[in-house]
Amino acid sequence: MKILVTGATGFLGTHLCRKLKSEKHEVIGLGSKDCDLTQEASLGEALAGHRGSFDRIIHLAAWTQAGDFCLKHPGEQWLINQKINTNVLSYWKEEQPAAKFLFMGTSCSYDPELPLKEENYMRGVPIDSLFTYAMTKRMLYAGALALNKQYGMKYLCFVPSTFYGPGYHTDARQMHFIFDLIRKIIRGKLHGEPVVLWGDGYQKRELVYIDDFTNAMLELDARCENGIINIGEGKEHTIREFAGMICSEVGYDPAKIHYDTTRYVGAKSKCLDTSRLLKLYPEYRNTSLKNGLSSTIKWFMQQDSIIRK
């Protein structure tokens, strides 16, 4: 197949493009340096000559970061992500209507008071601190539904839990919690830096190993269309449990960790219902958390920005 991937230089995009190329697909990957998706004509200009030629459009691009980023940039998040998503949807409709559109939702879109099941994705109110980003993802889903309803265009939306695995960014951007834990504990071990984690450590999170997600995504693409599917482990752990597993792997005393209860922690719990995933893809298996964390930690230990003083 011929496949267009937006957000191709991000954590998920890098792994996905590598996977697609290994399966001999023709992949055109676009990152922010290749194409400014906030500009209406950018995709058409960047992809001149490809009209009607893509079998898949995989839309991963989004303007966001982890931590308290969403709290600080709600207006910008709304404007930038709405422009990105509208322009990509418009390009799909005008230039590639025969392509199947695969895109990312977010677990942030769920109302934490409701079960995190796909039928509740558009119901209730997302957590206040993540409201704007969550609503831009809901609107992306609404756009795909609308184009399907009027024009019969095919789509598939995936809602992941937090990705982890080797190959994450180690630059100045805020890291998702699991990478932040690994970085802090490694530096505590190597350099004696204080390890300070946000919250009381009893907030719960769910992970999905990056290769498990990409494999599931492509397998589900072959099996279904016009729907929304959660992809995750189906169970969660406390931050203290994650920290303990990392400490065991690194050789750091977890009693040295300080928990700062004054810092932002987001949702207290976030675990996806994966019953639809397992019904559609009963062979799906997760990499064990022990093995997944071990490979991620080993990769981190090789990064100069982490290990140097």
Foldseek 3Di string as FASTA:
>chain_A
DEEEEEQLPAPLNVVLVVVCVVVVYHYDYDYCVQFQLLDQCGVCVSPPPCFQPHQEYEYEDAPAADFLGLQVQLPVRQNRLLSNLVSVLVCCVPGHQNHEYEYEAELQQADPVDAQAFVRSPPDAGDPSNRRNNVSRVVSLVSVVVCCVPPVGKYEYEYEFAEAAFDHDDDPTDHHQLVLLLLQQLCCVQPVDQAEAEAPQQQKGFYAYSVLVSVLSVVVVVQDIDGYAYDTPQDIDTSLVSNVLSCVLNVHDSVRYHYDNVGDDGHSYGGHHHPVSCVRPVVRDGDDPNVRSNRRSVNQVPDCSRNPD
